[in-house]
Amino acid sequence: MIGVSVVLHEKTKTGVDGMNNPVYSVTATTVNNVLVGQPETDDITSSISLYGKKIVYMLGLPKGDSHNWTDSIVEIFGEPFMTFGDVIQGVEANVPTPWHKKVRVMRCE
């Protein structure tokens, strides 16, 4: 198996505004070898129940990836999607494949 390249729009907190709300800068980064998979029926049901959001893809993130995928826009096949929920991570040394993290993705609203 081989993954695809996606563009992650990674947010980095740069400070706060006058109302004490966080201010972010966004950097677009290409991440290679990302698996794009269909979610299981149980994943769809639980994402709606837990988050009120419908999952459309599960992304498998490559080992060694250190980007912040939380609540970020990601371009998959040239279309924008939004990550949600926590990144699900296995113990890198115990996972035999090149991917050890998963993240849920929904359509941008």
N, C-alpha and C. Protein backbone atom coordinates (compact mmCIF):
# COMPACT_ATOMS: atom_id res chain seq x y z
N MET A 1 0.84 -1.19 0.00
CA MET A 1 0.00 0.00 0.00
C MET A 1 0.88 1.25 0.00
N ILE A 2 0.36 2.27 -0.63
CA ILE A 2 1.08 3.54 -0.65
C ILE A 2 0.06 4.66 -0.46
N GLY A 3 0.45 5.69 0.25
CA GLY A 3 -0.45 6.81 0.52
C GLY A 3 -0.35 7.88 -0.55
N VAL A 4 -1.14 8.92 -0.36
CA VAL A 4 -1.17 10.06 -1.28
C VAL A 4 -0.62 11.29 -0.58
N SER A 5 -0.38 12.33 -1.34
CA SER A 5 0.05 13.61 -0.77
C SER A 5 -1.19 14.45 -0.49
N VAL A 6 -1.25 15.06 0.68
CA VAL A 6 -2.32 15.97 1.05
C VAL A 6 -1.70 17.28 1.50
N VAL A 7 -2.48 18.35 1.47
CA VAL A 7 -1.99 19.65 1.93
C VAL A 7 -2.68 19.97 3.26
N LEU A 8 -1.89 20.08 4.30
CA LEU A 8 -2.39 20.39 5.64
C LEU A 8 -2.21 21.88 5.89
N HIS A 9 -3.29 22.54 6.28
CA HIS A 9 -3.24 23.95 6.65
C HIS A 9 -3.13 23.99 8.18
N GLU A 10 -1.90 24.00 8.64
CA GLU A 10 -1.59 23.87 10.07
C GLU A 10 -1.66 25.22 10.76
N LYS A 11 -2.43 25.26 11.86
CA LYS A 11 -2.57 26.49 12.64
C LYS A 11 -1.53 26.52 13.75
N THR A 12 -0.92 27.70 13.93
CA THR A 12 0.02 27.91 15.02
C THR A 12 -0.40 29.17 15.77
N LYS A 13 -0.58 29.05 17.07
CA LYS A 13 -0.99 30.21 17.87
C LYS A 13 0.15 31.22 17.91
N THR A 14 -0.17 32.47 17.54
CA THR A 14 0.85 33.52 17.49
C THR A 14 0.64 34.59 18.54
N GLY A 15 -0.47 34.53 19.27
CA GLY A 15 -0.74 35.53 20.29
C GLY A 15 -2.22 35.63 20.57
N VAL A 16 -2.63 36.77 21.12
CA VAL A 16 -4.03 37.03 21.42
C VAL A 16 -4.40 38.43 20.92
N ASP A 17 -5.68 38.62 20.61
CA ASP A 17 -6.12 39.94 20.16
C ASP A 17 -6.55 40.79 21.35
N GLY A 18 -7.10 41.95 21.10
CA GLY A 18 -7.52 42.88 22.15
C GLY A 18 -8.62 42.33 23.05
N MET A 19 -9.36 41.34 22.58
CA MET A 19 -10.43 40.73 23.38
C MET A 19 -9.96 39.44 24.04
N ASN A 20 -8.65 39.20 24.02
CA ASN A 20 -8.01 38.04 24.61
C ASN A 20 -8.38 36.73 23.90
N ASN A 21 -8.77 36.82 22.62
CA ASN A 21 -9.02 35.64 21.80
C ASN A 21 -7.73 35.24 21.11
N PRO A 22 -7.50 33.93 20.94
CA PRO A 22 -6.25 33.50 20.30
C PRO A 22 -6.18 33.95 18.84
N VAL A 23 -4.97 34.28 18.40
CA VAL A 23 -4.70 34.64 17.01
C VAL A 23 -3.77 33.56 16.46
N TYR A 24 -4.08 33.09 15.24
CA TYR A 24 -3.31 32.01 14.64
C TYR A 24 -2.73 32.44 13.30
N SER A 25 -1.59 31.86 12.97
CA SER A 25 -1.09 31.93 11.59
C SER A 25 -1.31 30.55 10.99
N VAL A 26 -1.51 30.51 9.69
CA VAL A 26 -1.77 29.24 9.02
C VAL A 26 -0.68 29.01 7.97
N THR A 27 -0.12 27.81 8.01
CA THR A 27 0.93 27.43 7.07
C THR A 27 0.48 26.20 6.30
N ALA A 28 0.52 26.27 4.98
CA ALA A 28 0.17 25.11 4.14
C ALA A 28 1.42 24.24 3.96
N THR A 29 1.28 22.96 4.29
CA THR A 29 2.38 22.02 4.22
C THR A 29 1.91 20.76 3.50
N THR A 30 2.69 20.27 2.57
CA THR A 30 2.37 19.01 1.91
C THR A 30 2.88 17.87 2.77
N VAL A 31 1.99 16.93 3.06
CA VAL A 31 2.35 15.74 3.82
C VAL A 31 2.20 14.55 2.88
N ASN A 32 3.26 13.82 2.70
CA ASN A 32 3.27 12.68 1.78
C ASN A 32 2.92 11.38 2.49
N ASN A 33 2.50 10.40 1.71
CA ASN A 33 2.24 9.04 2.18
C ASN A 33 1.12 8.98 3.23
N VAL A 34 0.04 9.72 3.01
CA VAL A 34 -1.12 9.69 3.90
C VAL A 34 -2.15 8.73 3.29
N LEU A 35 -2.63 7.80 4.10
CA LEU A 35 -3.68 6.90 3.64
C LEU A 35 -5.02 7.60 3.75
N VAL A 36 -5.85 7.48 2.74
CA VAL A 36 -7.19 8.03 2.75
C VAL A 36 -8.14 6.85 2.65
N GLY A 37 -8.91 6.61 3.71
CA GLY A 37 -9.78 5.46 3.73
C GLY A 37 -11.21 5.80 4.08
N GLN A 38 -12.10 4.91 3.69
CA GLN A 38 -13.50 5.07 4.04
C GLN A 38 -13.71 4.64 5.48
N PRO A 39 -14.54 5.37 6.21
CA PRO A 39 -14.82 4.97 7.59
C PRO A 39 -15.76 3.78 7.63
N GLU A 40 -15.67 3.04 8.71
CA GLU A 40 -16.61 1.95 8.96
C GLU A 40 -17.96 2.55 9.37
N THR A 41 -19.01 1.79 9.23
CA THR A 41 -20.35 2.26 9.63
C THR A 41 -20.37 2.66 11.09
N ASP A 42 -19.69 1.91 11.95
CA ASP A 42 -19.63 2.24 13.38
C ASP A 42 -18.93 3.58 13.61
N ASP A 43 -17.89 3.88 12.81
CA ASP A 43 -17.19 5.16 12.93
C ASP A 43 -18.11 6.32 12.58
N ILE A 44 -18.92 6.15 11.55
CA ILE A 44 -19.86 7.20 11.13
C ILE A 44 -20.89 7.44 12.23
N THR A 45 -21.46 6.36 12.74
CA THR A 45 -22.47 6.47 13.80
C THR A 45 -21.90 7.10 15.05
N SER A 46 -20.72 6.67 15.48
CA SER A 46 -20.14 7.23 16.71
C SER A 46 -19.71 8.67 16.54
N SER A 47 -19.23 9.06 15.34
CA SER A 47 -18.83 10.46 15.15
C SER A 47 -20.03 11.39 15.20
N ILE A 48 -21.17 10.93 14.68
CA ILE A 48 -22.39 11.73 14.76
C ILE A 48 -22.86 11.82 16.21
N SER A 49 -22.81 10.70 16.92
CA SER A 49 -23.26 10.69 18.32
C SER A 49 -22.35 11.51 19.22
N LEU A 50 -21.04 11.38 19.05
CA LEU A 50 -20.09 12.05 19.94
C LEU A 50 -19.84 13.50 19.58
N TYR A 51 -19.73 13.80 18.29
CA TYR A 51 -19.31 15.13 17.85
C TYR A 51 -20.39 15.91 17.10
N GLY A 52 -21.45 15.21 16.67
CA GLY A 52 -22.47 15.86 15.84
C GLY A 52 -21.96 16.15 14.45
N LYS A 53 -20.94 15.42 14.00
CA LYS A 53 -20.32 15.64 12.70
C LYS A 53 -20.22 14.31 11.97
N LYS A 54 -20.44 14.35 10.65
CA LYS A 54 -20.38 13.13 9.85
C LYS A 54 -18.99 12.95 9.25
N ILE A 55 -18.36 11.87 9.61
CA ILE A 55 -17.04 11.54 9.10
C ILE A 55 -17.18 11.07 7.65
N VAL A 56 -16.29 11.54 6.77
CA VAL A 56 -16.30 11.08 5.39
C VAL A 56 -15.03 10.31 5.03
N TYR A 57 -13.93 10.59 5.71
CA TYR A 57 -12.67 9.86 5.52
C TYR A 57 -11.98 9.66 6.86
N MET A 58 -11.19 8.59 6.93
CA MET A 58 -10.22 8.41 8.00
C MET A 58 -8.86 8.51 7.33
N LEU A 59 -8.00 9.34 7.88
CA LEU A 59 -6.65 9.48 7.33
C LEU A 59 -5.68 8.69 8.19
N GLY A 60 -4.83 7.92 7.55
CA GLY A 60 -3.73 7.24 8.22
C GLY A 60 -2.49 8.08 8.07
N LEU A 61 -1.93 8.52 9.18
CA LEU A 61 -0.78 9.43 9.15
C LEU A 61 0.52 8.64 9.26
N PRO A 62 1.52 9.03 8.48
CA PRO A 62 2.77 8.27 8.46
C PRO A 62 3.55 8.38 9.77
N LYS A 63 4.29 7.34 10.06
CA LYS A 63 5.16 7.36 11.23
C LYS A 63 6.13 8.51 11.11
N GLY A 64 6.44 9.14 12.23
CA GLY A 64 7.37 10.25 12.25
C GLY A 64 6.71 11.60 12.00
N ASP A 65 5.42 11.61 11.64
CA ASP A 65 4.74 12.88 11.39
C ASP A 65 4.52 13.61 12.71
N SER A 66 4.86 14.90 12.73
CA SER A 66 4.72 15.69 13.97
C SER A 66 3.84 16.92 13.78
N HIS A 67 3.07 16.97 12.69
CA HIS A 67 2.20 18.11 12.44
C HIS A 67 1.01 18.12 13.39
N ASN A 68 0.42 19.30 13.56
CA ASN A 68 -0.78 19.45 14.38
C ASN A 68 -2.00 19.28 13.47
N TRP A 69 -2.71 18.16 13.59
CA TRP A 69 -3.85 17.84 12.75
C TRP A 69 -5.17 18.22 13.41
N THR A 70 -5.15 18.72 14.62
CA THR A 70 -6.37 19.02 15.36
C THR A 70 -7.11 20.21 14.76
N ASP A 71 -8.38 20.00 14.41
CA ASP A 71 -9.25 21.07 13.87
C ASP A 71 -8.57 21.86 12.76
N SER A 72 -7.98 21.16 11.81
CA SER A 72 -7.25 21.80 10.71
C SER A 72 -7.92 21.50 9.38
N ILE A 73 -7.72 22.39 8.43
CA ILE A 73 -8.20 22.14 7.07
C ILE A 73 -7.13 21.32 6.36
N VAL A 74 -7.59 20.32 5.62
CA VAL A 74 -6.69 19.48 4.85
C VAL A 74 -7.28 19.32 3.45
N GLU A 75 -6.44 19.51 2.45
CA GLU A 75 -6.88 19.34 1.06
C GLU A 75 -6.56 17.92 0.63
N ILE A 76 -7.64 17.20 0.26
CA ILE A 76 -7.51 15.82 -0.20
C ILE A 76 -8.08 15.77 -1.61
N PHE A 77 -7.29 15.29 -2.55
CA PHE A 77 -7.71 15.24 -3.96
C PHE A 77 -8.15 16.61 -4.45
N GLY A 78 -7.51 17.67 -3.92
CA GLY A 78 -7.79 19.03 -4.36
C GLY A 78 -9.02 19.67 -3.72
N GLU A 79 -9.70 18.98 -2.82
CA GLU A 79 -10.89 19.52 -2.16
C GLU A 79 -10.61 19.75 -0.68
N PRO A 80 -11.19 20.82 -0.09
CA PRO A 80 -10.94 21.09 1.33
C PRO A 80 -11.85 20.26 2.24
N PHE A 81 -11.25 19.73 3.30
CA PHE A 81 -11.95 19.00 4.33
C PHE A 81 -11.46 19.53 5.67
N MET A 82 -12.14 19.16 6.75
CA MET A 82 -11.78 19.62 8.09
C MET A 82 -11.59 18.41 8.99
N THR A 83 -10.48 18.40 9.73
CA THR A 83 -10.27 17.34 10.71
C THR A 83 -11.06 17.67 11.97
N PHE A 84 -11.44 16.64 12.72
CA PHE A 84 -12.13 16.87 13.99
C PHE A 84 -11.84 15.72 14.94
N GLY A 85 -12.05 16.00 16.21
CA GLY A 85 -11.77 14.99 17.23
C GLY A 85 -10.28 14.86 17.48
N ASP A 86 -9.95 13.99 18.39
CA ASP A 86 -8.55 13.77 18.73
C ASP A 86 -7.88 12.86 17.71
N VAL A 87 -6.58 13.03 17.54
CA VAL A 87 -5.80 12.11 16.72
C VAL A 87 -5.69 10.81 17.50
N ILE A 88 -5.95 9.70 16.83
CA ILE A 88 -5.88 8.37 17.45
C ILE A 88 -4.49 7.82 17.12
N GLN A 89 -3.74 7.49 18.17
CA GLN A 89 -2.34 7.11 17.96
C GLN A 89 -2.03 5.78 18.59
N GLY A 90 -1.31 4.94 17.82
CA GLY A 90 -0.80 3.69 18.35
C GLY A 90 0.66 3.86 18.73
N VAL A 91 1.20 2.86 19.40
CA VAL A 91 2.62 2.89 19.75
C VAL A 91 3.41 2.59 18.48
N GLU A 92 4.19 3.57 18.04
CA GLU A 92 4.87 3.49 16.75
C GLU A 92 5.64 2.19 16.57
N ALA A 93 6.37 1.76 17.58
CA ALA A 93 7.20 0.55 17.47
C ALA A 93 6.36 -0.72 17.37
N ASN A 94 5.11 -0.68 17.85
CA ASN A 94 4.26 -1.87 17.85
C ASN A 94 3.36 -2.00 16.63
N VAL A 95 3.35 -0.98 15.78
CA VAL A 95 2.49 -1.00 14.59
C VAL A 95 3.35 -1.41 13.39
N PRO A 96 3.02 -2.53 12.72
CA PRO A 96 3.88 -3.03 11.65
C PRO A 96 3.79 -2.25 10.34
N THR A 97 2.81 -1.40 10.16
CA THR A 97 2.66 -0.65 8.92
C THR A 97 3.39 0.69 9.02
N PRO A 98 3.52 1.42 7.91
CA PRO A 98 4.17 2.75 7.95
C PRO A 98 3.30 3.85 8.57
N TRP A 99 2.07 3.53 8.99
CA TRP A 99 1.15 4.53 9.54
C TRP A 99 0.76 4.12 10.95
N HIS A 100 0.81 5.06 11.89
CA HIS A 100 0.47 4.70 13.27
C HIS A 100 -0.51 5.67 13.93
N LYS A 101 -1.00 6.67 13.16
CA LYS A 101 -1.99 7.61 13.69
C LYS A 101 -3.17 7.66 12.73
N LYS A 102 -4.35 7.99 13.29
CA LYS A 102 -5.54 8.18 12.46
C LYS A 102 -6.21 9.47 12.88
N VAL A 103 -6.86 10.12 11.91
CA VAL A 103 -7.61 11.34 12.20
C VAL A 103 -8.90 11.30 11.37
N ARG A 104 -9.98 11.80 11.99
CA ARG A 104 -11.28 11.86 11.32
C ARG A 104 -11.37 13.12 10.47
N VAL A 105 -12.08 13.01 9.34
CA VAL A 105 -12.22 14.13 8.42
C VAL A 105 -13.67 14.26 8.00
N MET A 106 -14.16 15.53 7.96
CA MET A 106 -15.53 15.81 7.50
C MET A 106 -15.45 16.83 6.37
N ARG A 107 -16.54 17.00 5.66
CA ARG A 107 -16.60 18.01 4.62
C ARG A 107 -16.59 19.40 5.27
N CYS A 108 -15.95 20.35 4.61
CA CYS A 108 -15.98 21.74 5.11
C CYS A 108 -17.38 22.30 4.94
N GLU A 109 -17.80 23.07 5.91
CA GLU A 109 -19.14 23.65 5.85
C GLU A 109 -19.11 25.05 5.32
